[in-house]
Amino acid sequence: MPSAPNLSWGAPLSLKVIGHNAGTSMDGVDLVHVHFTQDSPTSPLNMQLLRYGEYPMPQKVKRRVMKLIKENKTTPEEMAIVNIQLGEVIADAVNSFATDQGFDLAKDVDLIGGQGQTIWHLPLPELFEGDQMRAHLDMAEIAIIAANTGVTSLGNFRVSDMALGRQGCPLFAALDSLLLNHPTLNRAVQNIGGIANFSILPKGNVQGCYDFDTGPGNVFIDAAIRYFTDGQQEYDKDGAMGAKGNVDQDIVDEILAGPYFVHDIPKTTGRETFGDRMAEDICDRMLASGATPEDCVATITRITAQSLADAYERWGPEGGVDEIYMGGGGSYNPNIVNYLKQRLPKTRITYIDETGIPIGAKEALGFALLTHECFVGRPMIVPTNTESDNPGVVGQIQPGKNMHRIRQAVAQFWGDFPEEDIRCTTKMNLLPSLCK
């Protein structure tokens, strides 16, 4: 009589991950150091934020990349060089993060993963002229990151998601739902980076989450500030310049009647649609009509704020949103936040740091989770309201010096767990943050 099969599920899992994000604003790299633990494949995943840091984007690299995107002209030579340069920026950011915060990459980090700098994002080719197709390119060569840090590194999450039939952005509905889904409250997690996006978390339904880009976040505002200060100032600190101006509502309404804003979800976007040149054109047009620079910034800020409020009303959950958790640099702009409070008076608006996650850390944290789940071999929750519900493991792996050790750890974790029973993570505990 044959012996019963061994269905043991191996050893508990413990992996420490650095997640990084270089956002559309191109002001720098956000980094998190996260400890993931899990007792077995059927147990909840535990996440603990150990450290958070920021690394400024070198101005020479930033100017080169912004010029490349703004003009949509380059050469194979420049693309090859920029990919390596951005990989070096991320590697330098990781090494500086470890040095500044006093930990050892070789001993305290198992995986590094995140997004490089988005160069081109084309999720809705029908909105562009010419023979277009869905495509995405972000750059920061993961071979450089792995070589310069010694740690196994992951990237290309967005194009991996796009290959499964979706748009590759925003990618954070799963994290947001695992962190903040509530049994009786409809919640949203809003990020105002260069591009603004939010995740909708219908009450009591972890896998019912969905996310999309609402349009420009800080990208127009930052462009206008650079334009009026000749590059001496990068953003509207505390919304000071915008607060001094008057909003031209006719301009706001005209812009918000444009094709992206009226397009149904799912939808995502980037600088290809909402770039510096468009912001500068709005400013030039207003100045020619007698507006002040302050009026221009106020109007451009209102475009962001009103597009967010309109999106909540049009695509929010049944019954409306009870709570909004805000993150990203634009969350510091009172001209945006106060407008949202006026438009959504029954909604409690707070900040993501209420959960113990720093306001600037959330997207880097999302990439840390994507990195962990890719290396472990699990698909992420597939949001609703997408073109494809095809689950899949997203991301690409570049082995580092530690590859053999961490690969063994993952194999021991799974043990004899049946491959056909592997499912996405739907339960996660956020342990108290150790961030100072």
Protein backbone atom coordinates (compact mmCIF):
# COMPACT_ATOMS: atom_id res chain seq x y z
CA MET A 1 0.00 0.00 0.00
CA PRO A 2 1.57 3.35 -1.04
CA SER A 3 2.46 5.81 1.65
CA ALA A 4 0.45 9.00 2.02
CA PRO A 5 1.89 11.98 0.12
CA ASN A 6 3.94 14.48 2.13
CA LEU A 7 1.90 17.68 2.19
CA SER A 8 4.10 19.57 4.61
CA TRP A 9 4.37 23.25 3.81
CA GLY A 10 7.92 23.91 4.84
CA ALA A 11 9.44 26.65 6.95
CA PRO A 12 8.13 30.10 7.86
CA LEU A 13 9.17 32.85 5.45
CA SER A 14 11.18 35.96 6.35
CA LEU A 15 12.34 38.38 3.65
CA LYS A 16 13.56 41.97 3.97
CA VAL A 17 12.92 44.16 0.95
CA ILE A 18 13.90 47.63 -0.20
CA GLY A 19 11.16 49.14 -2.33
CA HIS A 20 11.91 52.24 -4.40
CA ASN A 21 9.92 54.62 -6.52
CA ALA A 22 10.99 57.43 -8.85
CA GLY A 23 7.74 59.22 -9.57
CA THR A 24 6.48 61.33 -12.44
CA SER A 25 7.49 64.55 -10.66
CA MET A 26 11.14 63.43 -10.92
CA ASP A 27 12.04 65.18 -7.68
CA GLY A 28 13.76 62.14 -6.21
CA VAL A 29 13.65 58.50 -5.21
CA ASP A 30 11.51 57.31 -2.30
CA LEU A 31 12.82 54.24 -0.47
CA VAL A 32 11.41 51.89 2.16
CA HIS A 33 12.98 49.00 4.06
CA VAL A 34 10.29 46.44 4.82
CA HIS A 35 10.24 43.11 6.67
CA PHE A 36 7.77 40.53 5.35
CA THR A 37 7.03 37.39 7.38
CA GLN A 38 4.57 34.56 6.89
CA ASP A 39 4.14 31.36 8.92
CA SER A 40 2.75 29.26 6.04
CA PRO A 41 1.22 29.70 2.58
CA THR A 42 -2.27 29.80 4.10
CA SER A 43 -1.42 32.24 6.92
CA PRO A 44 -1.79 36.03 6.68
CA LEU A 45 1.22 37.91 5.35
CA ASN A 46 2.84 40.29 7.84
CA MET A 47 4.39 43.59 6.75
CA GLN A 48 6.51 45.83 8.96
CA LEU A 49 7.99 49.11 7.77
CA LEU A 50 11.50 49.38 9.18
CA ARG A 51 12.83 52.52 7.54
CA TYR A 52 11.90 55.24 5.07
CA GLY A 53 14.12 57.66 3.19
CA GLU A 54 14.38 59.97 0.19
CA TYR A 55 17.20 60.55 -2.27
CA PRO A 56 17.27 63.62 -4.54
CA MET A 57 17.28 63.09 -8.27
CA PRO A 58 20.58 64.46 -9.66
CA GLN A 59 19.73 67.62 -11.56
CA LYS A 60 21.83 66.73 -14.59
CA VAL A 61 19.98 63.43 -15.03
CA LYS A 62 16.61 65.05 -14.33
CA ARG A 63 17.13 67.74 -16.97
CA ARG A 64 18.18 65.17 -19.55
CA VAL A 65 15.20 62.89 -18.92
CA MET A 66 12.67 65.74 -18.80
CA LYS A 67 13.98 67.12 -22.07
CA LEU A 68 13.78 63.68 -23.66
CA ILE A 69 10.14 63.27 -22.60
CA LYS A 70 9.08 66.85 -23.34
CA GLU A 71 10.46 66.85 -26.88
CA ASN A 72 9.69 63.17 -27.60
CA LYS A 73 12.94 63.03 -29.57
CA THR A 74 16.01 60.93 -28.83
CA THR A 75 18.51 58.46 -30.28
CA PRO A 76 19.33 54.82 -29.53
CA GLU A 77 22.60 56.08 -28.07
CA GLU A 78 20.87 58.38 -25.60
CA MET A 79 18.32 55.72 -24.59
CA ALA A 80 21.10 53.25 -23.82
CA ILE A 81 23.00 55.80 -21.74
CA VAL A 82 19.93 57.05 -19.83
CA ASN A 83 18.98 53.49 -18.87
CA ILE A 84 22.41 52.96 -17.29
CA GLN A 85 22.46 56.41 -15.67
CA LEU A 86 19.10 55.83 -14.02
CA GLY A 87 20.20 52.39 -12.83
CA GLU A 88 23.21 54.06 -11.20
CA VAL A 89 20.92 56.65 -9.57
CA ILE A 90 18.78 53.92 -7.99
CA ALA A 91 21.85 51.94 -6.87
CA ASP A 92 23.37 55.10 -5.37
CA ALA A 93 20.05 55.85 -3.64
CA VAL A 94 19.94 52.36 -2.11
CA ASN A 95 23.56 52.48 -0.96
CA SER A 96 23.08 55.95 0.55
CA PHE A 97 19.87 54.83 2.25
CA ALA A 98 21.71 51.95 3.94
CA THR A 99 24.66 54.14 4.96
CA ASP A 100 22.53 57.00 6.27
CA GLN A 101 20.23 54.74 8.28
CA GLY A 102 22.90 52.39 9.56
CA PHE A 103 22.08 49.00 8.11
CA ASP A 104 24.03 46.49 6.04
CA LEU A 105 22.75 45.58 2.57
CA ALA A 106 24.44 42.17 2.67
CA LYS A 107 22.98 41.22 6.05
CA ASP A 108 19.72 43.16 6.23
CA VAL A 109 18.32 43.12 2.69
CA ASP A 110 17.18 40.15 0.62
CA LEU A 111 15.52 41.90 -2.34
CA ILE A 112 15.44 45.32 -4.00
CA GLY A 113 12.59 46.25 -6.32
CA GLY A 114 10.72 49.16 -7.79
CA GLN A 115 10.02 51.35 -10.73
CA GLY A 116 12.71 53.12 -12.63
CA GLN A 117 11.86 56.46 -14.21
CA THR A 118 8.87 56.28 -16.52
CA ILE A 119 9.96 57.45 -19.97
CA TRP A 120 6.80 56.73 -21.93
CA HIS A 121 3.41 55.39 -20.88
CA LEU A 122 0.88 54.67 -23.61
CA PRO A 123 -2.07 52.80 -22.08
CA LEU A 124 -4.80 54.33 -24.27
CA PRO A 125 -3.39 54.50 -27.80
CA GLU A 126 -6.76 55.57 -29.18
CA LEU A 127 -6.21 58.98 -27.57
CA PHE A 128 -3.03 59.57 -29.59
CA GLU A 129 -2.56 60.34 -33.26
CA GLY A 130 -0.82 57.97 -35.63
CA ASP A 131 -0.28 54.22 -35.65
CA GLN A 132 -0.08 53.62 -31.89
CA MET A 133 -0.28 50.57 -29.67
CA ARG A 134 -0.36 49.98 -25.92
CA ALA A 135 3.19 50.26 -24.58
CA HIS A 136 5.24 51.27 -21.57
CA LEU A 137 8.89 52.04 -20.91
CA ASP A 138 10.54 52.86 -17.63
CA MET A 139 14.30 52.92 -17.23
CA ALA A 140 16.78 52.08 -14.46
CA GLU A 141 18.73 48.99 -15.48
CA ILE A 142 18.20 46.34 -12.79
CA ALA A 143 21.47 44.61 -13.76
CA ILE A 144 23.27 47.78 -12.62
CA ILE A 145 21.29 47.89 -9.38
CA ALA A 146 22.07 44.24 -8.57
CA ALA A 147 25.75 44.60 -9.50
CA ASN A 148 26.25 47.82 -7.52
CA THR A 149 24.45 46.59 -4.40
CA GLY A 150 25.05 42.83 -4.48
CA VAL A 151 21.33 42.26 -3.86
CA THR A 152 18.88 40.46 -6.15
CA SER A 153 16.88 43.21 -7.86
CA LEU A 154 13.48 43.33 -9.55
CA GLY A 155 11.78 45.70 -11.96
CA ASN A 156 9.51 46.00 -15.01
CA PHE A 157 6.33 45.51 -12.98
CA ARG A 158 4.30 47.86 -15.14
CA VAL A 159 5.09 46.29 -18.49
CA SER A 160 4.49 42.86 -16.92
CA ASP A 161 1.00 43.95 -15.90
CA MET A 162 0.44 45.40 -19.37
CA ALA A 163 1.44 42.07 -20.93
CA LEU A 164 -1.44 40.47 -19.01
CA GLY A 165 -3.92 42.74 -20.76
CA ARG A 166 -4.10 45.68 -18.35
CA GLN A 167 -2.67 49.21 -18.36
CA GLY A 168 0.33 48.81 -16.03
CA CYS A 169 -0.75 51.62 -13.69
CA PRO A 170 -1.39 52.62 -10.97
CA LEU A 171 -0.66 49.08 -9.61
CA PHE A 172 -1.40 49.82 -5.95
CA ALA A 173 -5.03 48.82 -5.43
CA ALA A 174 -3.96 45.47 -3.96
CA LEU A 175 -1.68 47.07 -1.36
CA ASP A 176 -4.27 49.72 -0.49
CA SER A 177 -7.01 47.14 -0.05
CA LEU A 178 -4.85 44.84 2.07
CA LEU A 179 -3.97 47.79 4.29
CA LEU A 180 -7.24 49.67 4.56
CA ASN A 181 -10.29 47.71 3.45
CA HIS A 182 -12.98 48.18 6.12
CA PRO A 183 -16.06 46.05 6.84
CA THR A 184 -18.53 48.96 7.01
CA LEU A 185 -16.82 51.98 5.40
CA ASN A 186 -16.13 52.76 1.76
CA ARG A 187 -12.57 54.04 1.64
CA ALA A 188 -10.23 55.54 -0.92
CA VAL A 189 -6.45 55.89 -0.93
CA GLN A 190 -5.39 58.90 -2.93
CA ASN A 191 -1.92 59.67 -4.22
CA ILE A 192 -1.10 63.08 -5.65
CA GLY A 193 2.29 62.71 -7.25
CA GLY A 194 3.13 64.03 -10.69
CA ILE A 195 0.01 62.19 -11.84
CA ALA A 196 -2.92 61.84 -9.45
CA ASN A 197 -4.57 58.50 -8.83
CA PHE A 198 -6.68 56.77 -6.25
CA SER A 199 -7.77 53.31 -5.20
CA ILE A 200 -11.42 52.70 -4.33
CA LEU A 201 -11.93 50.13 -1.55
CA PRO A 202 -15.60 49.05 -1.37
CA LYS A 203 -16.56 48.08 2.15
CA GLY A 204 -16.14 44.47 3.14
CA ASN A 205 -14.67 43.35 -0.19
CA VAL A 206 -10.88 43.07 -0.24
CA GLN A 207 -10.82 41.80 -3.82
CA GLY A 208 -13.37 44.36 -5.03
CA CYS A 209 -10.80 47.19 -5.15
CA TYR A 210 -10.05 49.23 -8.27
CA ASP A 211 -7.77 52.11 -9.16
CA PHE A 212 -7.09 54.58 -11.96
CA ASP A 213 -5.36 57.85 -12.77
CA THR A 214 -7.55 60.92 -12.55
CA GLY A 215 -5.16 63.14 -14.52
CA PRO A 216 -2.46 65.64 -13.59
CA GLY A 217 -1.41 65.82 -9.95
CA ASN A 218 1.61 68.04 -9.39
CA VAL A 219 2.95 67.82 -12.93
CA PHE A 220 1.18 70.96 -14.22
CA ILE A 221 1.75 72.90 -11.01
CA ASP A 222 5.47 72.07 -10.92
CA ALA A 223 5.83 72.98 -14.59
CA ALA A 224 4.18 76.37 -14.03
CA ILE A 225 6.38 77.10 -11.03
CA ARG A 226 9.53 76.27 -12.98
CA TYR A 227 8.26 78.39 -15.86
CA PHE A 228 7.65 81.48 -13.72
CA THR A 229 10.83 81.15 -11.62
CA ASP A 230 13.12 80.25 -14.53
CA GLY A 231 13.77 76.89 -12.91
CA GLN A 232 14.82 78.35 -9.57
CA GLN A 233 11.84 76.81 -7.76
CA GLU A 234 10.55 73.29 -8.39
CA TYR A 235 7.11 73.31 -6.74
CA ASP A 236 4.51 75.54 -5.10
CA LYS A 237 5.52 75.16 -1.44
CA ASP A 238 2.42 75.05 0.78
CA GLY A 239 0.38 76.25 -2.22
CA ALA A 240 1.58 79.79 -1.51
CA MET A 241 1.67 81.07 -5.09
CA GLY A 242 -1.61 79.47 -6.08
CA ALA A 243 -3.35 80.92 -2.99
CA LYS A 244 -2.57 84.46 -4.19
CA GLY A 245 -4.23 84.00 -7.57
CA ASN A 246 -7.75 83.87 -8.98
CA VAL A 247 -9.07 80.77 -10.70
CA ASP A 248 -10.18 81.12 -14.32
CA GLN A 249 -13.06 78.64 -14.19
CA ASP A 250 -13.65 78.81 -17.94
CA ILE A 251 -10.12 77.48 -18.54
CA VAL A 252 -10.62 74.75 -15.92
CA ASP A 253 -13.90 73.62 -17.49
CA GLU A 254 -12.41 73.62 -20.96
CA ILE A 255 -9.45 71.46 -19.94
CA LEU A 256 -11.66 69.05 -17.97
CA ALA A 257 -13.85 68.56 -21.05
CA GLY A 258 -10.82 67.05 -22.81
CA PRO A 259 -10.69 63.44 -24.01
CA TYR A 260 -8.83 61.90 -21.09
CA PHE A 261 -11.08 63.35 -18.39
CA VAL A 262 -14.29 62.19 -20.08
CA HIS A 263 -12.88 58.74 -20.94
CA ASP A 264 -14.41 55.96 -18.87
CA ILE A 265 -12.35 53.81 -16.48
CA PRO A 266 -10.08 51.90 -16.58
CA LYS A 267 -7.64 54.60 -17.58
CA THR A 268 -4.11 55.69 -16.76
CA THR A 269 -1.92 58.48 -18.05
CA GLY A 270 1.40 60.30 -17.78
CA ARG A 271 3.54 63.15 -19.05
CA GLU A 272 2.83 62.07 -22.62
CA THR A 273 -0.66 63.57 -22.18
CA PHE A 274 -0.13 66.04 -19.34
CA GLY A 275 3.38 67.37 -19.84
CA ASP A 276 5.22 70.61 -19.21
CA ARG A 277 4.46 71.96 -22.66
CA MET A 278 0.70 71.74 -22.09
CA ALA A 279 1.04 73.54 -18.76
CA GLU A 280 3.19 76.25 -20.34
CA ASP A 281 0.64 76.70 -23.15
CA ILE A 282 -2.11 77.24 -20.57
CA CYS A 283 0.05 79.83 -18.81
CA ASP A 284 0.91 81.65 -22.05
CA ARG A 285 -2.73 81.79 -23.04
CA MET A 286 -3.77 83.19 -19.67
CA LEU A 287 -0.94 85.73 -19.56
CA ALA A 288 -1.95 87.00 -23.01
CA SER A 289 -5.43 87.65 -21.59
CA GLY A 290 -4.05 89.71 -18.71
CA ALA A 291 -3.76 87.07 -16.00
CA THR A 292 -0.94 87.11 -13.46
CA PRO A 293 1.45 84.20 -12.83
CA GLU A 294 -0.42 83.63 -9.55
CA ASP A 295 -3.70 83.33 -11.48
CA CYS A 296 -2.10 80.74 -13.75
CA VAL A 297 -0.90 78.62 -10.83
CA ALA A 298 -4.28 78.91 -9.08
CA THR A 299 -6.08 77.79 -12.24
CA ILE A 300 -3.73 74.90 -12.93
CA THR A 301 -4.04 73.77 -9.31
CA ARG A 302 -7.82 73.82 -9.61
CA ILE A 303 -7.59 71.52 -12.65
CA THR A 304 -6.00 68.90 -10.41
CA ALA A 305 -8.40 69.43 -7.50
CA GLN A 306 -11.58 69.49 -9.57
CA SER A 307 -10.55 66.44 -11.63
CA LEU A 308 -10.17 64.50 -8.37
CA ALA A 309 -13.54 65.59 -6.99
CA ASP A 310 -15.28 64.91 -10.31
CA ALA A 311 -13.74 61.42 -10.45
CA TYR A 312 -14.97 60.56 -6.95
CA GLU A 313 -18.48 61.59 -7.92
CA ARG A 314 -18.49 59.77 -11.25
CA TRP A 315 -16.55 56.58 -10.44
CA GLY A 316 -16.72 56.26 -6.68
CA PRO A 317 -18.42 53.34 -4.92
CA GLU A 318 -22.15 53.06 -4.43
CA GLY A 319 -23.07 55.20 -1.45
CA GLY A 320 -20.05 57.47 -1.86
CA VAL A 321 -16.67 57.51 -0.14
CA ASP A 322 -16.68 57.63 3.66
CA GLU A 323 -12.94 58.16 4.16
CA ILE A 324 -10.03 59.28 1.98
CA TYR A 325 -6.41 58.60 2.96
CA MET A 326 -4.08 60.99 1.16
CA GLY A 327 -0.44 60.61 0.20
CA GLY A 328 2.08 62.07 -2.23
CA GLY A 329 3.54 65.56 -2.43
CA GLY A 330 0.30 67.19 -3.57
CA SER A 331 -1.31 66.20 -0.28
CA TYR A 332 0.61 69.11 1.26
CA ASN A 333 -1.08 71.63 -1.04
CA PRO A 334 -3.97 73.23 0.89
CA ASN A 335 -5.51 74.58 -2.31
CA ILE A 336 -6.19 71.00 -3.41
CA VAL A 337 -7.16 69.59 -0.02
CA ASN A 338 -9.52 72.45 0.90
CA TYR A 339 -11.31 72.20 -2.43
CA LEU A 340 -11.85 68.47 -1.92
CA LYS A 341 -13.27 69.12 1.53
CA GLN A 342 -15.72 71.62 0.04
CA ARG A 343 -16.83 69.22 -2.70
CA LEU A 344 -16.99 66.16 -0.42
CA PRO A 345 -18.33 67.55 2.88
CA LYS A 346 -19.55 64.17 4.20
CA THR A 347 -16.18 62.47 3.61
CA ARG A 348 -13.50 62.28 6.28
CA ILE A 349 -10.24 63.31 4.61
CA THR A 350 -7.05 62.35 6.40
CA TYR A 351 -3.48 61.33 5.63
CA ILE A 352 -1.95 57.92 5.07
CA ASP A 353 0.48 58.53 7.92
CA GLU A 354 -2.46 57.89 10.25
CA THR A 355 -1.72 54.21 9.55
CA GLY A 356 1.98 54.60 10.41
CA ILE A 357 3.05 54.93 6.77
CA PRO A 358 4.83 58.23 5.93
CA ILE A 359 2.99 60.30 3.31
CA GLY A 360 5.78 59.93 0.75
CA ALA A 361 6.36 56.22 1.34
CA LYS A 362 3.23 54.53 0.06
CA GLU A 363 4.18 53.89 -3.58
CA ALA A 364 7.65 52.63 -2.62
CA LEU A 365 5.85 50.36 -0.15
CA GLY A 366 3.67 49.14 -3.01
CA PHE A 367 6.74 48.19 -4.99
CA ALA A 368 8.18 46.41 -1.96
CA LEU A 369 5.03 44.24 -1.84
CA LEU A 370 5.14 43.62 -5.59
CA THR A 371 8.81 42.64 -5.26
CA HIS A 372 8.09 40.21 -2.44
CA GLU A 373 5.13 38.57 -4.14
CA CYS A 374 6.96 38.23 -7.46
CA PHE A 375 9.94 36.50 -5.89
CA VAL A 376 7.71 34.26 -3.77
CA GLY A 377 5.77 33.39 -6.93
CA ARG A 378 2.29 34.68 -6.11
CA PRO A 379 0.01 36.79 -8.27
CA MET A 380 -1.40 40.02 -6.87
CA ILE A 381 -5.08 40.78 -6.42
CA VAL A 382 -6.46 41.73 -9.84
CA PRO A 383 -8.50 44.94 -9.46
CA THR A 384 -12.03 45.12 -10.77
CA ASN A 385 -12.86 47.57 -13.56
CA THR A 386 -9.93 46.43 -15.70
CA GLU A 387 -9.83 45.06 -19.22
CA SER A 388 -8.49 41.68 -18.09
CA ASP A 389 -9.00 39.59 -14.95
CA ASN A 390 -6.08 37.36 -15.94
CA PRO A 391 -3.95 36.86 -12.81
CA GLY A 392 -0.20 36.52 -13.10
CA VAL A 393 3.08 37.05 -11.33
CA VAL A 394 4.40 40.47 -12.40
CA GLY A 395 8.00 41.65 -12.44
CA GLN A 396 11.41 40.58 -13.71
CA ILE A 397 14.33 39.32 -11.62
CA GLN A 398 18.05 40.08 -11.86
CA PRO A 399 20.03 37.73 -9.56
CA GLY A 400 22.46 39.23 -7.07
CA LYS A 401 25.09 37.62 -4.89
CA ASN A 402 22.40 36.39 -2.49
CA MET A 403 20.22 34.66 -5.09
CA HIS A 404 20.94 31.06 -4.05
CA ARG A 405 20.21 31.68 -0.38
CA ILE A 406 16.91 33.46 -0.85
CA ARG A 407 15.77 31.04 -3.54
CA GLN A 408 16.32 28.20 -1.06
CA ALA A 409 14.32 30.07 1.58
CA VAL A 410 11.34 30.45 -0.77
CA ALA A 411 11.51 26.77 -1.81
CA GLN A 412 11.54 25.69 1.83
CA PHE A 413 8.55 27.95 2.54
CA TRP A 414 6.41 26.32 -0.13
CA GLY A 415 7.52 22.77 0.63
CA ASP A 416 5.00 20.42 -1.00
CA PHE A 417 2.23 23.01 -1.28
CA PRO A 418 0.31 22.25 -4.51
CA GLU A 419 1.12 24.76 -7.25
CA GLU A 420 -2.46 24.74 -8.49
CA ASP A 421 -3.61 25.97 -5.06
CA ILE A 422 -1.43 29.09 -5.03
CA ARG A 423 -3.62 32.18 -4.77
CA CYS A 424 -3.09 35.90 -4.33
CA THR A 425 -2.62 37.28 -0.84
CA THR A 426 -5.95 38.48 0.58
CA LYS A 427 -5.02 38.89 4.26
CA MET A 428 -2.15 41.04 5.49
CA ASN A 429 -1.25 42.42 8.90
CA LEU A 430 0.51 45.77 9.09
CA LEU A 431 2.77 45.53 12.12
CA PRO A 432 3.78 48.67 14.04
CA SER A 433 6.23 50.77 12.06
CA LEU A 434 9.80 51.16 13.31
CA CYS A 435 10.31 54.35 11.29
CA LYS A 436 11.71 57.20 13.33
